[in-house]
Amino acid sequence: MEKRIELERRARKVNQITELNLDNCRSTSIVGLTDEYTALESLSLINVGLTTLKGFPKLPNLKKLELSDNRISSGLNYLTTSPKLQYLNLSGNKIKDLETLKPLEEFKNLAVLDLFNNDATQVDNYREKIFKMLPSLNFLDGFDCNDEEVQSDGDDDDEVNGNDSDEEGVSGDDDDEEGDSDDSDEEDNGEVSLSEVYNDDLEEDNSDWEGAEGEGGEDDEDEDSDIDDADGDANESAASVKDGKDGEKAGDAESQTRGKKRKHDG
């Protein structure tokens, strides 16, 4: 225990240490802890193996003392040198009767006492007798005199925060659902508008295509008409040429006939 105390000190002055944790350091008695720790307010000696409290130092400012899971069966009177004690945990020890607890009457500020897993808790009307013995006591073994369970400030804060977070989570889910709904509506609207635009474009393309075909047809008809006209003109020209040639041939023949006749007449 002495080595553990030196380790926990961390080179600090003894009269400046307010909290000391000596859990599991293994010792059957208090060794190395002296009256010099005048500023000590919290001392923890859980599962050390203590069988006696003999040699417990005078700690005038001690308020919280953890002595659970040891083998203490008596000697609580050694604790009376720490009159400001408010919290005492003796659970998991060897205290067998209420008479052993009588020295605790000296602690006028003792508000929390834990005797869980001691034989003394099997005494008839145990809780009622302890609350009567110690008028300043608020909680015994984690419950008040009305069997209401003690809740630390940390637990209350966690519950409040938990409820708030749940509500926020629900609200957040609702907002997400609304947001998703809005997004889906927007997507639907977007799809409809895109479809309408696509259909409109398609109709315009079709109408343009039909118009182009119509114009193309008219152009084809005009071209065919022009071709027909050209063919007619060509035929007429050919016919007139032919007629001219035939006329010339006829004129030549007639001239030759007239010449022959004149020759014959001469």
C-alpha atoms as a PDB file:
ATOM      1  CA  MET A   1       0.000   0.000   0.000  1.00  0.00           C
ATOM      2  CA  GLU A   2       2.858   2.410   0.767  1.00  0.00           C
ATOM      3  CA  LYS A   3       4.312   2.061  -2.752  1.00  0.00           C
ATOM      4  CA  ARG A   4       0.887   2.633  -4.273  1.00  0.00           C
ATOM      5  CA  ILE A   5       0.419   5.781  -2.188  1.00  0.00           C
ATOM      6  CA  GLU A   6       3.746   7.176  -3.369  1.00  0.00           C
ATOM      7  CA  LEU A   7       2.815   6.378  -6.958  1.00  0.00           C
ATOM      8  CA  GLU A   8      -0.544   8.146  -6.642  1.00  0.00           C
ATOM      9  CA  ARG A   9       1.031  11.204  -5.087  1.00  0.00           C
ATOM     10  CA  ARG A  10       2.934  11.995  -8.297  1.00  0.00           C
ATOM     11  CA  ALA A  11       5.411  14.208  -6.493  1.00  0.00           C
ATOM     12  CA  ARG A  12       2.627  16.390  -5.091  1.00  0.00           C
ATOM     13  CA  LYS A  13       2.723  17.719  -1.568  1.00  0.00           C
ATOM     14  CA  VAL A  14       0.777  15.555   0.859  1.00  0.00           C
ATOM     15  CA  ASN A  15      -1.313  18.419   2.215  1.00  0.00           C
ATOM     16  CA  GLN A  16      -2.432  19.395  -1.299  1.00  0.00           C
ATOM     17  CA  ILE A  17      -3.917  16.056  -2.381  1.00  0.00           C
ATOM     18  CA  THR A  18      -7.736  16.058  -2.370  1.00  0.00           C
ATOM     19  CA  GLU A  19      -8.389  12.655  -3.996  1.00  0.00           C
ATOM     20  CA  LEU A  20      -6.621   9.329  -3.616  1.00  0.00           C
ATOM     21  CA  ASN A  21      -7.399   6.023  -5.315  1.00  0.00           C
ATOM     22  CA  LEU A  22      -5.815   2.923  -3.755  1.00  0.00           C
ATOM     23  CA  ASP A  23      -8.141   0.281  -5.242  1.00  0.00           C
ATOM     24  CA  ASN A  24      -6.793  -3.289  -5.516  1.00  0.00           C
ATOM     25  CA  CYS A  25      -3.451  -2.482  -3.874  1.00  0.00           C
ATOM     26  CA  ARG A  26      -3.810  -5.481  -1.489  1.00  0.00           C
ATOM     27  CA  SER A  27      -3.275  -4.969   2.205  1.00  0.00           C
ATOM     28  CA  THR A  28      -5.046  -6.247   5.322  1.00  0.00           C
ATOM     29  CA  SER A  29      -4.616  -2.953   7.193  1.00  0.00           C
ATOM     30  CA  ILE A  30      -4.049   0.750   6.615  1.00  0.00           C
ATOM     31  CA  VAL A  31      -0.326   1.356   6.041  1.00  0.00           C
ATOM     32  CA  GLY A  32       1.407   4.523   4.792  1.00  0.00           C
ATOM     33  CA  LEU A  33      -1.656   6.765   4.973  1.00  0.00           C
ATOM     34  CA  THR A  34      -1.068   9.409   7.628  1.00  0.00           C
ATOM     35  CA  ASP A  35      -2.710  12.437   9.259  1.00  0.00           C
ATOM     36  CA  GLU A  36      -0.711  14.659   6.914  1.00  0.00           C
ATOM     37  CA  TYR A  37      -3.381  14.282   4.207  1.00  0.00           C
ATOM     38  CA  THR A  38      -5.390  17.109   5.685  1.00  0.00           C
ATOM     39  CA  ALA A  39      -6.887  18.240   2.339  1.00  0.00           C
ATOM     40  CA  LEU A  40      -8.088  14.775   1.317  1.00  0.00           C
ATOM     41  CA  GLU A  41     -11.814  14.749   0.456  1.00  0.00           C
ATOM     42  CA  SER A  42     -12.202  11.452  -1.414  1.00  0.00           C
ATOM     43  CA  LEU A  43     -10.513   8.143  -0.585  1.00  0.00           C
ATOM     44  CA  SER A  44     -11.102   4.852  -2.387  1.00  0.00           C
ATOM     45  CA  LEU A  45      -9.947   1.492  -0.928  1.00  0.00           C
ATOM     46  CA  ILE A  46     -12.030  -0.955  -3.001  1.00  0.00           C
ATOM     47  CA  ASN A  47     -10.994  -4.633  -3.016  1.00  0.00           C
ATOM     48  CA  VAL A  48      -7.838  -4.078  -0.999  1.00  0.00           C
ATOM     49  CA  GLY A  49      -8.349  -7.025   1.366  1.00  0.00           C
ATOM     50  CA  LEU A  50      -8.776  -4.989   4.557  1.00  0.00           C
ATOM     51  CA  THR A  51      -9.814  -6.972   7.648  1.00  0.00           C
ATOM     52  CA  THR A  52      -9.577  -4.036  10.059  1.00  0.00           C
ATOM     53  CA  LEU A  53      -9.732  -0.228  10.059  1.00  0.00           C
ATOM     54  CA  LYS A  54      -7.233   0.079  12.852  1.00  0.00           C
ATOM     55  CA  GLY A  55      -4.709   2.802  12.031  1.00  0.00           C
ATOM     56  CA  PHE A  56      -7.136   4.790   9.910  1.00  0.00           C
ATOM     57  CA  PRO A  57      -5.748   8.360   9.839  1.00  0.00           C
ATOM     58  CA  LYS A  58      -7.403  11.548  10.990  1.00  0.00           C
ATOM     59  CA  LEU A  59      -8.784  13.140   7.841  1.00  0.00           C
ATOM     60  CA  PRO A  60     -10.712  16.292   8.849  1.00  0.00           C
ATOM     61  CA  ASN A  61     -11.973  17.104   5.322  1.00  0.00           C
ATOM     62  CA  LEU A  62     -12.844  13.590   4.131  1.00  0.00           C
ATOM     63  CA  LYS A  63     -16.353  13.478   2.608  1.00  0.00           C
ATOM     64  CA  LYS A  64     -16.388  10.313   0.507  1.00  0.00           C
ATOM     65  CA  LEU A  65     -14.994   6.909   1.551  1.00  0.00           C
ATOM     66  CA  GLU A  66     -15.128   3.745  -0.571  1.00  0.00           C
ATOM     67  CA  LEU A  67     -14.513   0.519   1.403  1.00  0.00           C
ATOM     68  CA  SER A  68     -16.491  -2.015  -0.655  1.00  0.00           C
ATOM     69  CA  ASP A  69     -15.387  -5.599  -1.319  1.00  0.00           C
ATOM     70  CA  ASN A  70     -13.140  -5.980   1.704  1.00  0.00           C
ATOM     71  CA  ARG A  71     -13.381  -8.231   4.788  1.00  0.00           C
ATOM     72  CA  ILE A  72     -14.276  -5.654   7.404  1.00  0.00           C
ATOM     73  CA  SER A  73     -16.439  -7.015  10.229  1.00  0.00           C
ATOM     74  CA  SER A  74     -15.979  -4.356  12.926  1.00  0.00           C
ATOM     75  CA  GLY A  75     -13.919  -1.318  13.992  1.00  0.00           C
ATOM     76  CA  LEU A  76     -16.060   1.395  12.375  1.00  0.00           C
ATOM     77  CA  ASN A  77     -15.222   3.587  15.356  1.00  0.00           C
ATOM     78  CA  TYR A  78     -11.804   4.254  13.754  1.00  0.00           C
ATOM     79  CA  LEU A  79     -13.597   6.328  11.139  1.00  0.00           C
ATOM     80  CA  THR A  80     -14.982   8.889  13.583  1.00  0.00           C
ATOM     81  CA  THR A  81     -11.850  11.023  13.216  1.00  0.00           C
ATOM     82  CA  SER A  82     -13.333  12.158   9.881  1.00  0.00           C
ATOM     83  CA  PRO A  83     -16.437  14.055  11.084  1.00  0.00           C
ATOM     84  CA  LYS A  84     -17.369  15.543   7.667  1.00  0.00           C
ATOM     85  CA  LEU A  85     -18.041  12.141   6.090  1.00  0.00           C
ATOM     86  CA  GLN A  86     -21.128  12.256   3.834  1.00  0.00           C
ATOM     87  CA  TYR A  87     -20.772   9.113   1.695  1.00  0.00           C
ATOM     88  CA  LEU A  88     -19.738   5.666   2.976  1.00  0.00           C
ATOM     89  CA  ASN A  89     -19.749   2.467   0.939  1.00  0.00           C
ATOM     90  CA  LEU A  90     -19.325  -0.734   2.978  1.00  0.00           C
ATOM     91  CA  SER A  91     -20.963  -3.146   0.525  1.00  0.00           C
ATOM     92  CA  GLY A  92     -19.472  -6.608   0.159  1.00  0.00           C
ATOM     93  CA  ASN A  93     -17.985  -6.808   3.657  1.00  0.00           C
ATOM     94  CA  LYS A  94     -18.554  -9.035   6.720  1.00  0.00           C
ATOM     95  CA  ILE A  95     -20.800  -6.876   8.894  1.00  0.00           C
ATOM     96  CA  LYS A  96     -23.277  -9.220  10.551  1.00  0.00           C
ATOM     97  CA  ASP A  97     -25.426  -7.068  12.855  1.00  0.00           C
ATOM     98  CA  LEU A  98     -26.730  -3.557  13.377  1.00  0.00           C
ATOM     99  CA  GLU A  99     -24.764  -3.148  16.597  1.00  0.00           C
ATOM    100  CA  THR A 100     -21.561  -2.967  14.553  1.00  0.00           C
ATOM    101  CA  LEU A 101     -23.006   0.099  12.799  1.00  0.00           C
ATOM    102  CA  LYS A 102     -23.581   2.102  15.988  1.00  0.00           C
ATOM    103  CA  PRO A 103     -20.377   4.199  15.603  1.00  0.00           C
ATOM    104  CA  LEU A 104     -21.893   5.702  12.451  1.00  0.00           C
ATOM    105  CA  GLU A 105     -24.261   7.735  14.629  1.00  0.00           C
ATOM    106  CA  GLU A 106     -21.360  10.146  15.142  1.00  0.00           C
ATOM    107  CA  PHE A 107     -21.558  11.283  11.544  1.00  0.00           C
ATOM    108  CA  LYS A 108     -24.091  14.099  11.549  1.00  0.00           C
ATOM    109  CA  ASN A 109     -23.690  14.739   7.813  1.00  0.00           C
ATOM    110  CA  LEU A 110     -23.821  11.154   6.567  1.00  0.00           C
ATOM    111  CA  ALA A 111     -26.306  11.147   3.669  1.00  0.00           C
ATOM    112  CA  VAL A 112     -25.444   7.994   1.699  1.00  0.00           C
ATOM    113  CA  LEU A 113     -24.687   4.558   3.140  1.00  0.00           C
ATOM    114  CA  ASP A 114     -24.313   1.304   1.226  1.00  0.00           C
ATOM    115  CA  LEU A 115     -24.373  -2.014   3.104  1.00  0.00           C
ATOM    116  CA  PHE A 116     -25.406  -4.223   0.207  1.00  0.00           C
ATOM    117  CA  ASN A 117     -24.203  -7.839   0.416  1.00  0.00           C
ATOM    118  CA  ASN A 118     -23.609  -7.768   4.182  1.00  0.00           C
ATOM    119  CA  ASP A 119     -25.302 -10.190   6.577  1.00  0.00           C
ATOM    120  CA  ALA A 120     -26.693  -7.231   8.532  1.00  0.00           C
ATOM    121  CA  THR A 121     -29.127  -6.529   5.682  1.00  0.00           C
ATOM    122  CA  GLN A 122     -30.992  -9.750   6.601  1.00  0.00           C
ATOM    123  CA  VAL A 123     -32.059  -8.374   9.991  1.00  0.00           C
ATOM    124  CA  ASP A 124     -35.819  -7.848  10.362  1.00  0.00           C
ATOM    125  CA  ASN A 125     -36.899  -4.323   9.486  1.00  0.00           C
ATOM    126  CA  TYR A 126     -33.313  -3.579   8.615  1.00  0.00           C
ATOM    127  CA  ARG A 127     -33.990  -0.496   6.501  1.00  0.00           C
ATOM    128  CA  GLU A 128     -36.438   1.030   8.944  1.00  0.00           C
ATOM    129  CA  LYS A 129     -33.996   0.591  11.816  1.00  0.00           C
ATOM    130  CA  ILE A 130     -31.050   2.076   9.915  1.00  0.00           C
ATOM    131  CA  PHE A 131     -33.023   5.174   8.874  1.00  0.00           C
ATOM    132  CA  LYS A 132     -34.083   5.596  12.489  1.00  0.00           C
ATOM    133  CA  MET A 133     -30.494   5.165  13.715  1.00  0.00           C
ATOM    134  CA  LEU A 134     -29.099   7.678  11.238  1.00  0.00           C
ATOM    135  CA  PRO A 135     -31.531  10.633  10.874  1.00  0.00           C
ATOM    136  CA  SER A 136     -29.301  12.460   8.377  1.00  0.00           C
ATOM    137  CA  LEU A 137     -29.365   9.498   5.981  1.00  0.00           C
ATOM    138  CA  ASN A 138     -31.042  10.081   2.616  1.00  0.00           C
ATOM    139  CA  PHE A 139     -30.172   6.878   0.769  1.00  0.00           C
ATOM    140  CA  LEU A 140     -29.507   3.352   1.988  1.00  0.00           C
ATOM    141  CA  ASP A 141     -28.284   0.744  -0.501  1.00  0.00           C
ATOM    142  CA  GLY A 142     -29.270   3.013  -3.375  1.00  0.00           C
ATOM    143  CA  PHE A 143     -32.856   3.758  -2.221  1.00  0.00           C
ATOM    144  CA  ASP A 144     -34.423   6.407  -0.014  1.00  0.00           C
ATOM    145  CA  CYS A 145     -36.778   5.732   2.889  1.00  0.00           C
ATOM    146  CA  ASN A 146     -39.699   5.482   0.427  1.00  0.00           C
ATOM    147  CA  ASP A 147     -37.852   2.891  -1.674  1.00  0.00           C
ATOM    148  CA  GLU A 148     -37.280   5.395  -4.440  1.00  0.00           C
ATOM    149  CA  GLU A 149     -34.063   4.670  -6.313  1.00  0.00           C
ATOM    150  CA  VAL A 150     -31.330   7.284  -6.235  1.00  0.00           C
ATOM    151  CA  GLN A 151     -30.463   8.970  -9.532  1.00  0.00           C
ATOM    152  CA  SER A 152     -27.245  10.836  -9.999  1.00  0.00           C
ATOM    153  CA  ASP A 153     -27.084  14.162 -11.800  1.00  0.00           C
ATOM    154  CA  GLY A 154     -25.232  12.431 -14.623  1.00  0.00           C
ATOM    155  CA  ASP A 155     -28.081   9.942 -15.102  1.00  0.00           C
ATOM    156  CA  ASP A 156     -30.646  12.723 -15.146  1.00  0.00           C
ATOM    157  CA  ASP A 157     -28.629  14.605 -17.721  1.00  0.00           C
ATOM    158  CA  ASP A 158     -28.266  11.477 -19.842  1.00  0.00           C
ATOM    159  CA  GLU A 159     -32.000  10.834 -19.719  1.00  0.00           C
ATOM    160  CA  VAL A 160     -32.795  14.398 -20.636  1.00  0.00           C
ATOM    161  CA  ASN A 161     -30.250  14.372 -23.412  1.00  0.00           C
ATOM    162  CA  GLY A 162     -31.486  10.987 -24.549  1.00  0.00           C
ATOM    163  CA  ASN A 163     -35.069  12.205 -24.772  1.00  0.00           C
ATOM    164  CA  ASP A 164     -33.995  15.332 -26.543  1.00  0.00           C
ATOM    165  CA  SER A 165     -31.908  13.349 -28.993  1.00  0.00           C
ATOM    166  CA  ASP A 166     -34.798  10.951 -29.620  1.00  0.00           C
ATOM    167  CA  GLU A 167     -37.154  13.835 -30.280  1.00  0.00           C
ATOM    168  CA  GLU A 168     -34.587  15.430 -32.516  1.00  0.00           C
ATOM    169  CA  GLY A 169     -34.119  12.098 -34.245  1.00  0.00           C
ATOM    170  CA  VAL A 170     -37.877  11.774 -34.823  1.00  0.00           C
ATOM    171  CA  SER A 171     -38.092  15.349 -35.999  1.00  0.00           C
ATOM    172  CA  GLY A 172     -35.115  14.763 -38.230  1.00  0.00           C
ATOM    173  CA  ASP A 173     -36.749  11.666 -39.686  1.00  0.00           C
ATOM    174  CA  ASP A 174     -39.947  13.613 -40.333  1.00  0.00           C
ATOM    175  CA  ASP A 175     -37.976  16.355 -42.023  1.00  0.00           C
ATOM    176  CA  ASP A 176     -36.143  13.781 -44.097  1.00  0.00           C
ATOM    177  CA  GLU A 177     -39.417  12.157 -45.100  1.00  0.00           C
ATOM    178  CA  GLU A 178     -40.878  15.533 -46.030  1.00  0.00           C
ATOM    179  CA  GLY A 179     -37.721  16.362 -47.918  1.00  0.00           C
ATOM    180  CA  ASP A 180     -37.856  13.032 -49.743  1.00  0.00           C
ATOM    181  CA  SER A 181     -41.517  13.629 -50.548  1.00  0.00           C
ATOM    182  CA  ASP A 182     -40.746  17.072 -51.889  1.00  0.00           C
ATOM    183  CA  ASP A 183     -37.863  15.687 -53.886  1.00  0.00           C
ATOM    184  CA  SER A 184     -40.041  12.925 -55.314  1.00  0.00           C
ATOM    185  CA  ASP A 185     -42.701  15.472 -56.246  1.00  0.00           C
ATOM    186  CA  GLU A 186     -40.094  17.610 -57.901  1.00  0.00           C
ATOM    187  CA  GLU A 187     -38.740  14.574 -59.687  1.00  0.00           C
ATOM    188  CA  ASP A 188     -42.234  13.645 -60.858  1.00  0.00           C
ATOM    189  CA  ASN A 189     -42.835  17.175 -62.037  1.00  0.00           C
ATOM    190  CA  GLY A 190     -39.478  17.121 -63.710  1.00  0.00           C
ATOM    191  CA  GLU A 191     -40.295  13.883 -65.508  1.00  0.00           C
ATOM    192  CA  VAL A 192     -43.649  15.215 -66.705  1.00  0.00           C
ATOM    193  CA  SER A 193     -42.161  18.434 -67.933  1.00  0.00           C
ATOM    194  CA  LEU A 194     -39.356  16.620 -69.717  1.00  0.00           C
ATOM    195  CA  SER A 195     -41.856  14.267 -71.301  1.00  0.00           C
ATOM    196  CA  GLU A 196     -43.989  17.131 -72.443  1.00  0.00           C
ATOM    197  CA  VAL A 197     -41.004  18.923 -73.873  1.00  0.00           C
ATOM    198  CA  TYR A 198     -39.884  15.758 -75.619  1.00  0.00           C
ATOM    199  CA  ASN A 199     -43.352  15.187 -77.108  1.00  0.00           C
ATOM    200  CA  ASP A 200     -43.572  18.785 -78.226  1.00  0.00           C
ATOM    201  CA  ASP A 201     -40.186  18.547 -79.883  1.00  0.00           C
ATOM    202  CA  LEU A 202     -41.164  15.272 -81.474  1.00  0.00           C
ATOM    203  CA  GLU A 203     -44.387  16.761 -82.856  1.00  0.00           C
ATOM    204  CA  GLU A 204     -42.479  19.760 -84.188  1.00  0.00           C
ATOM    205  CA  ASP A 205     -39.949  17.465 -85.827  1.00  0.00           C
ATOM    206  CA  ASN A 206     -42.749  15.432 -87.406  1.00  0.00           C
ATOM    207  CA  SER A 207     -44.505  18.526 -88.685  1.00  0.00           C
ATOM    208  CA  ASP A 208     -41.241  19.839 -90.097  1.00  0.00           C
ATOM    209  CA  TRP A 209     -40.601  16.487 -91.728  1.00  0.00           C
ATOM    210  CA  GLU A 210     -44.080  16.412 -93.258  1.00  0.00           C
ATOM    211  CA  GLY A 211     -43.678  20.000 -94.445  1.00  0.00           C
ATOM    212  CA  ALA A 212     -40.360  19.115 -96.004  1.00  0.00           C
ATOM    213  CA  GLU A 213     -41.901  16.127 -97.735  1.00  0.00           C
ATOM    214  CA  GLY A 214     -44.748  18.313 -99.023  1.00  0.00           C
ATOM    215  CA  GLU A 215     -42.356  20.891-100.371  1.00  0.00           C
ATOM    216  CA  GLY A 216     -40.225  18.148-101.811  1.00  0.00           C
ATOM    217  CA  GLY A 217     -43.299  16.677-103.557  1.00  0.00           C
ATOM    218  CA  GLU A 218     -44.250  20.024-105.029  1.00  0.00           C
ATOM    219  CA  ASP A 219     -40.718  20.534-106.197  1.00  0.00           C
ATOM    220  CA  ASP A 220     -40.740  17.093-107.786  1.00  0.00           C
ATOM    221  CA  GLU A 221     -44.031  17.872-109.527  1.00  0.00           C
ATOM    222  CA  ASP A 222     -42.624  21.172-110.781  1.00  0.00           C
ATOM    223  CA  GLU A 223     -39.507  19.417-111.974  1.00  0.00           C
ATOM    224  CA  ASP A 224     -41.623  16.752-113.734  1.00  0.00           C
ATOM    225  CA  SER A 225     -43.739  19.481-115.333  1.00  0.00           C
ATOM    226  CA  ASP A 226     -40.629  21.298-116.463  1.00  0.00           C
ATOM    227  CA  ILE A 227     -39.234  18.091-117.871  1.00  0.00           C
ATOM    228  CA  ASP A 228     -42.511  17.393-119.697  1.00  0.00           C
ATOM    229  CA  ASP A 229     -42.538  20.937-121.083  1.00  0.00           C
ATOM    230  CA  ALA A 230     -38.950  20.571-122.169  1.00  0.00           C
ATOM    231  CA  ASP A 231     -39.737  17.281-123.831  1.00  0.00           C
ATOM    232  CA  GLY A 232     -42.725  18.875-125.631  1.00  0.00           C
ATOM    233  CA  ASP A 233     -40.609  21.766-126.835  1.00  0.00           C
ATOM    234  CA  ALA A 234     -37.949  19.366-127.991  1.00  0.00           C
ATOM    235  CA  ASN A 235     -40.516  17.289-129.874  1.00  0.00           C
ATOM    236  CA  GLU A 236     -41.993  20.373-131.450  1.00  0.00           C
ATOM    237  CA  SER A 237     -38.569  21.562-132.489  1.00  0.00           C
ATOM    238  CA  ALA A 238     -37.743  18.161-133.894  1.00  0.00           C
ATOM    239  CA  ALA A 239     -41.054  18.112-135.791  1.00  0.00           C
ATOM    240  CA  SER A 240     -40.510  21.575-137.178  1.00  0.00           C
ATOM    241  CA  VAL A 241     -36.984  20.646-138.253  1.00  0.00           C
ATOM    242  CA  LYS A 242     -38.317  17.538-139.905  1.00  0.00           C
ATOM    243  CA  ASP A 243     -41.069  19.515-141.574  1.00  0.00           C
ATOM    244  CA  GLY A 244     -38.509  22.054-142.771  1.00  0.00           C
ATOM    245  CA  LYS A 245     -36.295  19.350-144.204  1.00  0.00           C
ATOM    246  CA  ASP A 246     -39.260  17.700-145.868  1.00  0.00           C
ATOM    247  CA  GLY A 247     -40.285  21.083-147.304  1.00  0.00           C
ATOM    248  CA  GLU A 248     -36.797  21.676-148.614  1.00  0.00           C
ATOM    249  CA  LYS A 249     -36.753  18.233-150.214  1.00  0.00           C
ATOM    250  CA  ALA A 250     -40.138  18.895-151.777  1.00  0.00           C
ATOM    251  CA  GLY A 251     -38.949  22.305-153.017  1.00  0.00           C
ATOM    252  CA  ASP A 252     -35.860  20.735-154.554  1.00  0.00           C
ATOM    253  CA  ALA A 253     -37.908  18.033-156.220  1.00  0.00           C
ATOM    254  CA  GLU A 254     -40.305  20.628-157.549  1.00  0.00           C
ATOM    255  CA  SER A 255     -37.437  22.743-158.843  1.00  0.00           C
ATOM    256  CA  GLN A 256     -35.887  19.720-160.549  1.00  0.00           C
ATOM    257  CA  THR A 257     -39.244  18.849-162.138  1.00  0.00           C
ATOM    258  CA  ARG A 258     -39.707  22.391-163.407  1.00  0.00           C
ATOM    259  CA  GLY A 259     -36.157  22.350-164.830  1.00  0.00           C
ATOM    260  CA  LYS A 260     -36.744  19.067-166.597  1.00  0.00           C
ATOM    261  CA  LYS A 261     -40.048  20.385-167.993  1.00  0.00           C
ATOM    262  CA  ARG A 262     -38.409  23.571-169.268  1.00  0.00           C
ATOM    263  CA  LYS A 263     -35.661  21.547-170.876  1.00  0.00           C
ATOM    264  CA  HIS A 264     -38.213  19.303-172.484  1.00  0.00           C
ATOM    265  CA  ASP A 265     -40.216  22.253-173.696  1.00  0.00           C
ATOM    266  CA  GLY A 266     -37.081  23.864-175.244  1.00  0.00           C
END
